[in-house]
Amino acid sequence: MKTRVITGVLGGLFAVSALVLLNYPFLGIFVALFTGMAVYEVERMAKITNIPLIILSLAVSLFIPLALEYGLLAKITARVPLSILLTAYVIAALLMTLAFFETTRFEHVCVALVSSLAIPYAMACLLLLKNTYRSDYPKAFFVLFTGLASAWITDAGAYFIGVKFGKHKMSPKISPKKTFEGAIGGIVIAALFNLITFLIVDHFFFKGSWMHFWVIIAVSVVLSLVGMAGDLSASVIKRNYGEKDFGAFFPGHGGVMDRFDSTLFVMPALYAVVLLFDKA
């Protein structure tokens, strides 16, 4: 418990520090590195031993956040359509089953393709959200902070409330420790936290000119639910492979995927909400 709390606090401070430095160019590098680590953890769990396939998928997973952050993708797709690039990647990955058919199954290729495309895009939504509010730093900070808080505080709140008051199992076959009491507690805590944060930021920066407070509550609840779906989905993957954690990078929390599983669902959902409803 002590290790979990310390790691969580340090991780939160690191995340806030990264948000403070939003406009500096190295954020894309941090996102790419965490993306590569998450993809590798999934491939390790799937027992992929095909080194060329691992290298190819990691190269793609590192490239996507960097390309989106530094404008490389737009330059490349201006010459070669994205559909052709994706087709070439899929064909190259499938050819690995021919070159290494004794050790590489179709399942391995599917895991490599999905993880190296879905995880990088989800992580890159951090950068896409930042760039959406490139000219408005307070909004960029608050939106990203809200996304991370909705994922992490929901998880932390659900854990502690569940330990104290949890009685009714939410999904005993997938994640035995999760309870409905914990889930409700996590949602309420995250919504209150985001609301208080919004009221503070709104007072000093937005001056009541951006959105109503009830919107924050509604978005927080939706993101908390989405984050729980991400957490449970990651748990399903671990159960499929008989593993407890994806890795051990974060003491007390597991690997990068264990820490960012809910975030991988929350950030794309938040990006969709911003694109659909915030025209500012």
C-alpha atoms as a PDB file:
ATOM      1  CA  MET A   1       0.000   0.000   0.000  1.00  0.00           C
ATOM      2  CA  LYS A   2       2.762   2.460   0.973  1.00  0.00           C
ATOM      3  CA  THR A   3       4.710   1.759  -2.226  1.00  0.00           C
ATOM      4  CA  ARG A   4       1.544   2.156  -4.303  1.00  0.00           C
ATOM      5  CA  VAL A   5       0.723   5.522  -2.752  1.00  0.00           C
ATOM      6  CA  ILE A   6       4.274   6.879  -3.093  1.00  0.00           C
ATOM      7  CA  THR A   7       4.505   5.799  -6.719  1.00  0.00           C
ATOM      8  CA  GLY A   8       1.098   7.286  -7.433  1.00  0.00           C
ATOM      9  CA  VAL A   9       2.010  10.646  -5.895  1.00  0.00           C
ATOM     10  CA  LEU A  10       5.341  10.799  -7.731  1.00  0.00           C
ATOM     11  CA  GLY A  11       3.667   9.818 -10.986  1.00  0.00           C
ATOM     12  CA  GLY A  12       1.045  12.506 -10.508  1.00  0.00           C
ATOM     13  CA  LEU A  13       3.680  15.148  -9.828  1.00  0.00           C
ATOM     14  CA  PHE A  14       5.566  14.094 -12.946  1.00  0.00           C
ATOM     15  CA  ALA A  15       2.391  14.313 -15.034  1.00  0.00           C
ATOM     16  CA  VAL A  16       1.571  17.790 -13.702  1.00  0.00           C
ATOM     17  CA  SER A  17       5.149  18.898 -14.373  1.00  0.00           C
ATOM     18  CA  ALA A  18       4.836  17.662 -17.947  1.00  0.00           C
ATOM     19  CA  LEU A  19       1.596  19.630 -18.370  1.00  0.00           C
ATOM     20  CA  VAL A  20       3.236  22.777 -17.027  1.00  0.00           C
ATOM     21  CA  LEU A  21       5.808  22.417 -19.806  1.00  0.00           C
ATOM     22  CA  LEU A  22       3.193  21.815 -22.513  1.00  0.00           C
ATOM     23  CA  ASN A  23       4.643  24.271 -24.982  1.00  0.00           C
ATOM     24  CA  TYR A  24       8.136  22.766 -24.884  1.00  0.00           C
ATOM     25  CA  PRO A  25       9.045  20.430 -27.773  1.00  0.00           C
ATOM     26  CA  PHE A  26      10.091  17.378 -25.759  1.00  0.00           C
ATOM     27  CA  LEU A  27       6.567  16.362 -24.668  1.00  0.00           C
ATOM     28  CA  GLY A  28       6.192  14.367 -27.869  1.00  0.00           C
ATOM     29  CA  ILE A  29       9.359  12.443 -27.032  1.00  0.00           C
ATOM     30  CA  PHE A  30       8.036  11.498 -23.576  1.00  0.00           C
ATOM     31  CA  VAL A  31       4.737  10.330 -25.077  1.00  0.00           C
ATOM     32  CA  ALA A  32       6.581   8.287 -27.717  1.00  0.00           C
ATOM     33  CA  LEU A  33       8.798   6.605 -25.108  1.00  0.00           C
ATOM     34  CA  PHE A  34       5.876   5.617 -22.883  1.00  0.00           C
ATOM     35  CA  THR A  35       4.031   4.421 -25.986  1.00  0.00           C
ATOM     36  CA  GLY A  36       6.916   2.191 -27.004  1.00  0.00           C
ATOM     37  CA  MET A  37       7.158   0.755 -23.499  1.00  0.00           C
ATOM     38  CA  ALA A  38       3.420  -0.006 -23.413  1.00  0.00           C
ATOM     39  CA  VAL A  39       3.513  -1.723 -26.808  1.00  0.00           C
ATOM     40  CA  TYR A  40       6.521  -3.796 -25.788  1.00  0.00           C
ATOM     41  CA  GLU A  41       4.764  -4.891 -22.582  1.00  0.00           C
ATOM     42  CA  VAL A  42       1.768  -6.135 -24.558  1.00  0.00           C
ATOM     43  CA  GLU A  43       3.969  -7.985 -27.033  1.00  0.00           C
ATOM     44  CA  ARG A  44       6.014  -9.525 -24.238  1.00  0.00           C
ATOM     45  CA  MET A  45       2.837 -10.719 -22.550  1.00  0.00           C
ATOM     46  CA  ALA A  46       1.674 -12.230 -25.845  1.00  0.00           C
ATOM     47  CA  LYS A  47       5.018 -14.091 -25.950  1.00  0.00           C
ATOM     48  CA  ILE A  48       6.041 -12.656 -29.308  1.00  0.00           C
ATOM     49  CA  THR A  49       9.633 -13.781 -29.966  1.00  0.00           C
ATOM     50  CA  ASN A  50       9.941 -12.647 -33.573  1.00  0.00           C
ATOM     51  CA  ILE A  51      12.592  -9.930 -33.228  1.00  0.00           C
ATOM     52  CA  PRO A  52      12.036  -8.331 -36.685  1.00  0.00           C
ATOM     53  CA  LEU A  53       8.287  -8.135 -35.989  1.00  0.00           C
ATOM     54  CA  ILE A  54       8.936  -6.559 -32.586  1.00  0.00           C
ATOM     55  CA  ILE A  55      11.367  -4.036 -34.084  1.00  0.00           C
ATOM     56  CA  LEU A  56       8.955  -3.159 -36.901  1.00  0.00           C
ATOM     57  CA  SER A  57       5.975  -2.687 -34.571  1.00  0.00           C
ATOM     58  CA  LEU A  58       7.999  -0.673 -32.061  1.00  0.00           C
ATOM     59  CA  ALA A  59       9.324   1.563 -34.844  1.00  0.00           C
ATOM     60  CA  VAL A  60       5.747   2.261 -35.969  1.00  0.00           C
ATOM     61  CA  SER A  61       4.529   2.828 -32.407  1.00  0.00           C
ATOM     62  CA  LEU A  62       7.326   5.323 -31.732  1.00  0.00           C
ATOM     63  CA  PHE A  63       6.832   7.055 -35.062  1.00  0.00           C
ATOM     64  CA  ILE A  64       3.099   7.798 -34.712  1.00  0.00           C
ATOM     65  CA  PRO A  65       3.254  10.186 -31.692  1.00  0.00           C
ATOM     66  CA  LEU A  66       6.400  11.848 -33.010  1.00  0.00           C
ATOM     67  CA  ALA A  67       4.901  12.254 -36.474  1.00  0.00           C
ATOM     68  CA  LEU A  68       1.702  13.782 -35.133  1.00  0.00           C
ATOM     69  CA  GLU A  69       3.516  16.114 -32.741  1.00  0.00           C
ATOM     70  CA  TYR A  70       6.176  17.400 -35.103  1.00  0.00           C
ATOM     71  CA  GLY A  71       4.180  17.489 -38.345  1.00  0.00           C
ATOM     72  CA  LEU A  72       5.990  14.595 -40.001  1.00  0.00           C
ATOM     73  CA  LEU A  73       2.861  12.644 -40.850  1.00  0.00           C
ATOM     74  CA  ALA A  74       1.329  15.508 -42.824  1.00  0.00           C
ATOM     75  CA  LYS A  75       4.498  15.852 -44.888  1.00  0.00           C
ATOM     76  CA  ILE A  76       4.671  12.130 -45.610  1.00  0.00           C
ATOM     77  CA  THR A  77       0.977  11.669 -46.437  1.00  0.00           C
ATOM     78  CA  ALA A  78       1.188  14.643 -48.782  1.00  0.00           C
ATOM     79  CA  ARG A  79       3.306  12.374 -51.001  1.00  0.00           C
ATOM     80  CA  VAL A  80       2.120   8.882 -50.055  1.00  0.00           C
ATOM     81  CA  PRO A  81      -1.535   8.312 -49.022  1.00  0.00           C
ATOM     82  CA  LEU A  82      -2.046   6.997 -45.507  1.00  0.00           C
ATOM     83  CA  SER A  83      -3.984   3.997 -46.857  1.00  0.00           C
ATOM     84  CA  ILE A  84      -0.912   2.871 -48.797  1.00  0.00           C
ATOM     85  CA  LEU A  85       1.329   3.232 -45.736  1.00  0.00           C
ATOM     86  CA  LEU A  86      -1.057   1.180 -43.596  1.00  0.00           C
ATOM     87  CA  THR A  87      -1.402  -1.471 -46.292  1.00  0.00           C
ATOM     88  CA  ALA A  88       2.372  -1.753 -46.609  1.00  0.00           C
ATOM     89  CA  TYR A  89       2.706  -2.102 -42.840  1.00  0.00           C
ATOM     90  CA  VAL A  90       0.088  -4.852 -42.645  1.00  0.00           C
ATOM     91  CA  ILE A  91       1.658  -6.749 -45.540  1.00  0.00           C
ATOM     92  CA  ALA A  92       5.152  -6.423 -44.019  1.00  0.00           C
ATOM     93  CA  ALA A  93       3.880  -7.738 -40.690  1.00  0.00           C
ATOM     94  CA  LEU A  94       2.079 -10.666 -42.331  1.00  0.00           C
ATOM     95  CA  LEU A  95       5.203 -11.554 -44.289  1.00  0.00           C
ATOM     96  CA  MET A  96       6.843 -12.195 -40.933  1.00  0.00           C
ATOM     97  CA  THR A  97       4.689 -15.306 -40.609  1.00  0.00           C
ATOM     98  CA  LEU A  98       6.248 -16.628 -43.825  1.00  0.00           C
ATOM     99  CA  ALA A  99       9.819 -15.819 -42.887  1.00  0.00           C
ATOM    100  CA  PHE A 100       9.466 -17.119 -39.324  1.00  0.00           C
ATOM    101  CA  PHE A 101       6.515 -19.514 -39.597  1.00  0.00           C
ATOM    102  CA  GLU A 102       7.899 -21.905 -36.977  1.00  0.00           C
ATOM    103  CA  THR A 103       7.825 -19.332 -34.173  1.00  0.00           C
ATOM    104  CA  THR A 104       5.325 -16.725 -35.365  1.00  0.00           C
ATOM    105  CA  ARG A 105       1.582 -17.309 -35.281  1.00  0.00           C
ATOM    106  CA  PHE A 106      -1.134 -15.214 -36.875  1.00  0.00           C
ATOM    107  CA  GLU A 107      -2.156 -14.211 -33.345  1.00  0.00           C
ATOM    108  CA  HIS A 108       1.275 -12.628 -32.834  1.00  0.00           C
ATOM    109  CA  VAL A 109       0.909 -10.508 -35.958  1.00  0.00           C
ATOM    110  CA  CYS A 110      -2.583  -9.395 -34.900  1.00  0.00           C
ATOM    111  CA  VAL A 111      -1.340  -8.398 -31.437  1.00  0.00           C
ATOM    112  CA  ALA A 112       1.595  -6.500 -32.935  1.00  0.00           C
ATOM    113  CA  LEU A 113      -0.594  -4.658 -35.453  1.00  0.00           C
ATOM    114  CA  VAL A 114      -3.353  -3.694 -33.012  1.00  0.00           C
ATOM    115  CA  SER A 115      -1.024  -2.665 -30.187  1.00  0.00           C
ATOM    116  CA  SER A 116       1.307  -0.669 -32.438  1.00  0.00           C
ATOM    117  CA  LEU A 117      -1.570   1.305 -33.981  1.00  0.00           C
ATOM    118  CA  ALA A 118      -4.207   1.601 -31.249  1.00  0.00           C
ATOM    119  CA  ILE A 119      -1.916   2.390 -28.308  1.00  0.00           C
ATOM    120  CA  PRO A 120       0.131   5.075 -30.133  1.00  0.00           C
ATOM    121  CA  TYR A 121      -3.001   6.807 -31.390  1.00  0.00           C
ATOM    122  CA  ALA A 122      -4.595   6.760 -27.940  1.00  0.00           C
ATOM    123  CA  MET A 123      -1.438   8.166 -26.358  1.00  0.00           C
ATOM    124  CA  ALA A 124      -1.057  10.707 -29.163  1.00  0.00           C
ATOM    125  CA  CYS A 125      -4.497  12.088 -28.301  1.00  0.00           C
ATOM    126  CA  LEU A 126      -2.659  13.849 -25.465  1.00  0.00           C
ATOM    127  CA  LEU A 127      -0.720  15.714 -28.130  1.00  0.00           C
ATOM    128  CA  LEU A 128      -3.742  16.248 -30.372  1.00  0.00           C
ATOM    129  CA  LEU A 129      -5.659  17.783 -27.470  1.00  0.00           C
ATOM    130  CA  LYS A 130      -2.719  20.002 -26.642  1.00  0.00           C
ATOM    131  CA  ASN A 131      -2.480  21.184 -30.238  1.00  0.00           C
ATOM    132  CA  THR A 132      -6.227  21.844 -30.378  1.00  0.00           C
ATOM    133  CA  TYR A 133      -5.678  24.576 -27.783  1.00  0.00           C
ATOM    134  CA  ARG A 134      -2.206  25.536 -28.943  1.00  0.00           C
ATOM    135  CA  SER A 135      -2.950  29.260 -28.666  1.00  0.00           C
ATOM    136  CA  ASP A 136      -4.702  28.988 -25.290  1.00  0.00           C
ATOM    137  CA  TYR A 137      -2.412  27.471 -22.658  1.00  0.00           C
ATOM    138  CA  PRO A 138      -4.905  27.551 -19.717  1.00  0.00           C
ATOM    139  CA  LYS A 139      -7.462  25.593 -21.736  1.00  0.00           C
ATOM    140  CA  ALA A 140      -4.854  23.098 -22.945  1.00  0.00           C
ATOM    141  CA  PHE A 141      -3.625  22.542 -19.397  1.00  0.00           C
ATOM    142  CA  PHE A 142      -7.105  22.164 -17.948  1.00  0.00           C
ATOM    143  CA  VAL A 143      -8.374  19.795 -20.649  1.00  0.00           C
ATOM    144  CA  LEU A 144      -5.379  17.477 -20.364  1.00  0.00           C
ATOM    145  CA  PHE A 145      -5.412  17.676 -16.580  1.00  0.00           C
ATOM    146  CA  THR A 146      -9.105  16.766 -16.589  1.00  0.00           C
ATOM    147  CA  GLY A 147      -8.436  13.753 -18.799  1.00  0.00           C
ATOM    148  CA  LEU A 148      -5.632  12.421 -16.631  1.00  0.00           C
ATOM    149  CA  ALA A 149      -7.534  13.140 -13.423  1.00  0.00           C
ATOM    150  CA  SER A 150     -10.648  11.394 -14.722  1.00  0.00           C
ATOM    151  CA  ALA A 151      -8.596   8.277 -15.423  1.00  0.00           C
ATOM    152  CA  TRP A 152      -6.264   8.200 -12.441  1.00  0.00           C
ATOM    153  CA  ILE A 153      -8.389   9.687  -9.666  1.00  0.00           C
ATOM    154  CA  THR A 154     -11.308   7.458 -10.600  1.00  0.00           C
ATOM    155  CA  ASP A 155      -8.971   4.482 -10.337  1.00  0.00           C
ATOM    156  CA  ALA A 156      -7.464   5.623  -7.038  1.00  0.00           C
ATOM    157  CA  GLY A 157     -10.828   6.602  -5.561  1.00  0.00           C
ATOM    158  CA  ALA A 158     -12.391   3.304  -6.605  1.00  0.00           C
ATOM    159  CA  TYR A 159      -9.495   1.403  -5.033  1.00  0.00           C
ATOM    160  CA  PHE A 160      -9.643   3.091  -1.637  1.00  0.00           C
ATOM    161  CA  ILE A 161     -13.444   3.269  -1.436  1.00  0.00           C
ATOM    162  CA  GLY A 162     -13.635  -0.336  -2.562  1.00  0.00           C
ATOM    163  CA  VAL A 163     -11.173  -1.476   0.084  1.00  0.00           C
ATOM    164  CA  LYS A 164     -13.127   0.339   2.787  1.00  0.00           C
ATOM    165  CA  PHE A 165     -16.740  -0.123   1.744  1.00  0.00           C
ATOM    166  CA  GLY A 166     -16.784  -2.549  -1.178  1.00  0.00           C
ATOM    167  CA  LYS A 167     -19.179  -5.495  -0.840  1.00  0.00           C
ATOM    168  CA  HIS A 168     -20.731  -6.117  -4.253  1.00  0.00           C
ATOM    169  CA  LYS A 169     -18.308  -7.416  -6.873  1.00  0.00           C
ATOM    170  CA  MET A 170     -18.547  -5.629 -10.189  1.00  0.00           C
ATOM    171  CA  SER A 171     -16.805  -8.209 -12.389  1.00  0.00           C
ATOM    172  CA  PRO A 172     -15.459 -11.060 -10.255  1.00  0.00           C
ATOM    173  CA  LYS A 173     -14.212 -13.169 -13.170  1.00  0.00           C
ATOM    174  CA  ILE A 174     -12.257 -10.313 -14.754  1.00  0.00           C
ATOM    175  CA  SER A 175     -11.150  -8.147 -11.837  1.00  0.00           C
ATOM    176  CA  PRO A 176     -12.141  -9.723  -8.482  1.00  0.00           C
ATOM    177  CA  LYS A 177     -11.210  -6.706  -6.359  1.00  0.00           C
ATOM    178  CA  LYS A 178     -13.410  -4.182  -8.169  1.00  0.00           C
ATOM    179  CA  THR A 179     -16.754  -3.405  -6.535  1.00  0.00           C
ATOM    180  CA  PHE A 180     -19.785  -1.297  -7.424  1.00  0.00           C
ATOM    181  CA  GLU A 181     -19.254   0.757  -4.252  1.00  0.00           C
ATOM    182  CA  GLY A 182     -15.691   1.491  -5.318  1.00  0.00           C
ATOM    183  CA  ALA A 183     -16.755   2.381  -8.856  1.00  0.00           C
ATOM    184  CA  ILE A 184     -19.405   4.834  -7.650  1.00  0.00           C
ATOM    185  CA  GLY A 185     -16.978   6.328  -5.144  1.00  0.00           C
ATOM    186  CA  GLY A 186     -14.308   6.742  -7.803  1.00  0.00           C
ATOM    187  CA  ILE A 187     -16.724   8.494 -10.162  1.00  0.00           C
ATOM    188  CA  VAL A 188     -17.959  10.879  -7.459  1.00  0.00           C
ATOM    189  CA  ILE A 189     -14.442  11.714  -6.236  1.00  0.00           C
ATOM    190  CA  ALA A 190     -13.181  12.347  -9.775  1.00  0.00           C
ATOM    191  CA  ALA A 191     -16.182  14.535 -10.626  1.00  0.00           C
ATOM    192  CA  LEU A 192     -15.763  16.605  -7.460  1.00  0.00           C
ATOM    193  CA  PHE A 193     -12.024  16.927  -8.019  1.00  0.00           C
ATOM    194  CA  ASN A 194     -12.512  18.089 -11.617  1.00  0.00           C
ATOM    195  CA  LEU A 195     -15.253  20.501 -10.581  1.00  0.00           C
ATOM    196  CA  ILE A 196     -13.094  22.102  -7.880  1.00  0.00           C
ATOM    197  CA  THR A 197     -10.187  22.345 -10.298  1.00  0.00           C
ATOM    198  CA  PHE A 198     -12.443  23.948 -12.914  1.00  0.00           C
ATOM    199  CA  LEU A 199     -13.853  26.501 -10.479  1.00  0.00           C
ATOM    200  CA  ILE A 200     -10.325  27.539  -9.485  1.00  0.00           C
ATOM    201  CA  VAL A 201      -9.034  27.772 -13.048  1.00  0.00           C
ATOM    202  CA  ASP A 202     -12.253  29.451 -14.217  1.00  0.00           C
ATOM    203  CA  HIS A 203     -11.928  32.113 -11.523  1.00  0.00           C
ATOM    204  CA  PHE A 204      -8.379  33.075 -12.498  1.00  0.00           C
ATOM    205  CA  PHE A 205      -8.321  32.452 -16.268  1.00  0.00           C
ATOM    206  CA  PHE A 206     -11.685  31.829 -17.921  1.00  0.00           C
ATOM    207  CA  LYS A 207     -13.768  34.359 -15.954  1.00  0.00           C
ATOM    208  CA  GLY A 208     -16.925  32.317 -16.513  1.00  0.00           C
ATOM    209  CA  SER A 209     -16.701  32.703 -20.272  1.00  0.00           C
ATOM    210  CA  TRP A 210     -15.976  29.122 -21.337  1.00  0.00           C
ATOM    211  CA  MET A 211     -18.544  26.604 -20.069  1.00  0.00           C
ATOM    212  CA  HIS A 212     -21.013  25.866 -17.295  1.00  0.00           C
ATOM    213  CA  PHE A 213     -19.863  23.883 -14.283  1.00  0.00           C
ATOM    214  CA  TRP A 214     -22.419  21.129 -14.915  1.00  0.00           C
ATOM    215  CA  VAL A 215     -20.682  20.332 -18.200  1.00  0.00           C
ATOM    216  CA  ILE A 216     -17.535  19.445 -16.252  1.00  0.00           C
ATOM    217  CA  ILE A 217     -19.516  17.113 -14.011  1.00  0.00           C
ATOM    218  CA  ALA A 218     -21.170  15.406 -16.983  1.00  0.00           C
ATOM    219  CA  VAL A 219     -17.899  15.018 -18.892  1.00  0.00           C
ATOM    220  CA  SER A 220     -16.131  13.747 -15.774  1.00  0.00           C
ATOM    221  CA  VAL A 221     -18.750  11.037 -15.238  1.00  0.00           C
ATOM    222  CA  VAL A 222     -18.536   9.933 -18.870  1.00  0.00           C
ATOM    223  CA  LEU A 223     -14.728   9.862 -18.815  1.00  0.00           C
ATOM    224  CA  SER A 224     -14.707   7.945 -15.524  1.00  0.00           C
ATOM    225  CA  LEU A 225     -16.987   5.289 -17.013  1.00  0.00           C
ATOM    226  CA  VAL A 226     -14.880   5.107 -20.163  1.00  0.00           C
ATOM    227  CA  GLY A 227     -11.740   4.816 -18.042  1.00  0.00           C
ATOM    228  CA  MET A 228     -13.243   1.909 -16.107  1.00  0.00           C
ATOM    229  CA  ALA A 229     -14.003   0.188 -19.399  1.00  0.00           C
ATOM    230  CA  GLY A 230     -10.361   0.628 -20.362  1.00  0.00           C
ATOM    231  CA  ASP A 231      -9.182  -0.758 -17.043  1.00  0.00           C
ATOM    232  CA  LEU A 232     -11.433  -3.813 -17.341  1.00  0.00           C
ATOM    233  CA  SER A 233     -10.408  -4.366 -20.969  1.00  0.00           C
ATOM    234  CA  ALA A 234      -6.759  -4.439 -19.931  1.00  0.00           C
ATOM    235  CA  SER A 235      -7.660  -6.875 -17.157  1.00  0.00           C
ATOM    236  CA  VAL A 236      -9.248  -9.171 -19.749  1.00  0.00           C
ATOM    237  CA  ILE A 237      -5.998  -9.193 -21.725  1.00  0.00           C
ATOM    238  CA  LYS A 238      -4.018 -10.067 -18.603  1.00  0.00           C
ATOM    239  CA  ARG A 239      -6.436 -12.842 -17.685  1.00  0.00           C
ATOM    240  CA  ASN A 240      -6.194 -14.255 -21.219  1.00  0.00           C
ATOM    241  CA  TYR A 241      -2.458 -14.640 -20.780  1.00  0.00           C
ATOM    242  CA  GLY A 242      -2.543 -15.609 -17.103  1.00  0.00           C
ATOM    243  CA  GLU A 243      -0.585 -12.544 -15.949  1.00  0.00           C
ATOM    244  CA  LYS A 244      -1.160 -10.240 -13.001  1.00  0.00           C
ATOM    245  CA  ASP A 245       0.567  -7.149 -14.420  1.00  0.00           C
ATOM    246  CA  PHE A 246       1.911  -6.019 -17.788  1.00  0.00           C
ATOM    247  CA  GLY A 247       5.246  -5.098 -16.227  1.00  0.00           C
ATOM    248  CA  ALA A 248       6.959  -3.634 -13.182  1.00  0.00           C
ATOM    249  CA  PHE A 249       8.023  -0.150 -14.291  1.00  0.00           C
ATOM    250  CA  PHE A 250       5.834   1.539 -11.650  1.00  0.00           C
ATOM    251  CA  PRO A 251       6.363  -0.129  -8.236  1.00  0.00           C
ATOM    252  CA  GLY A 252       3.038  -1.054  -6.697  1.00  0.00           C
ATOM    253  CA  HIS A 253       1.158  -0.325  -9.918  1.00  0.00           C
ATOM    254  CA  GLY A 254       2.732  -2.633 -12.497  1.00  0.00           C
ATOM    255  CA  GLY A 255       3.888  -1.625 -15.945  1.00  0.00           C
ATOM    256  CA  VAL A 256       3.192   1.338 -18.210  1.00  0.00           C
ATOM    257  CA  MET A 257       0.097  -0.389 -19.585  1.00  0.00           C
ATOM    258  CA  ASP A 258      -1.170  -1.000 -16.044  1.00  0.00           C
ATOM    259  CA  ARG A 259      -0.861   2.703 -15.279  1.00  0.00           C
ATOM    260  CA  PHE A 260      -2.191   3.982 -18.620  1.00  0.00           C
ATOM    261  CA  ASP A 261      -4.853   1.375 -19.447  1.00  0.00           C
ATOM    262  CA  SER A 262      -7.749   3.646 -18.490  1.00  0.00           C
ATOM    263  CA  THR A 263      -5.997   6.659 -20.042  1.00  0.00           C
ATOM    264  CA  LEU A 264      -5.876   4.846 -23.386  1.00  0.00           C
ATOM    265  CA  PHE A 265      -9.666   4.946 -23.440  1.00  0.00           C
ATOM    266  CA  VAL A 266     -10.148   8.317 -21.774  1.00  0.00           C
ATOM    267  CA  MET A 267      -7.953  10.462 -24.022  1.00  0.00           C
ATOM    268  CA  PRO A 268      -9.540   9.453 -27.358  1.00  0.00           C
ATOM    269  CA  ALA A 269     -12.981   9.875 -25.771  1.00  0.00           C
ATOM    270  CA  LEU A 270     -12.043  13.336 -24.489  1.00  0.00           C
ATOM    271  CA  TYR A 271     -10.610  14.275 -27.878  1.00  0.00           C
ATOM    272  CA  ALA A 272     -13.887  13.212 -29.511  1.00  0.00           C
ATOM    273  CA  VAL A 273     -15.859  15.319 -27.013  1.00  0.00           C
ATOM    274  CA  VAL A 274     -13.699  18.359 -27.727  1.00  0.00           C
ATOM    275  CA  LEU A 275     -14.011  17.960 -31.500  1.00  0.00           C
ATOM    276  CA  LEU A 276     -17.778  17.507 -31.314  1.00  0.00           C
ATOM    277  CA  PHE A 277     -18.770  20.093 -28.728  1.00  0.00           C
ATOM    278  CA  ASP A 278     -16.066  22.675 -28.120  1.00  0.00           C
ATOM    279  CA  LYS A 279     -15.896  24.973 -31.107  1.00  0.00           C
ATOM    280  CA  ALA A 280     -13.920  27.653 -29.240  1.00  0.00           C
END
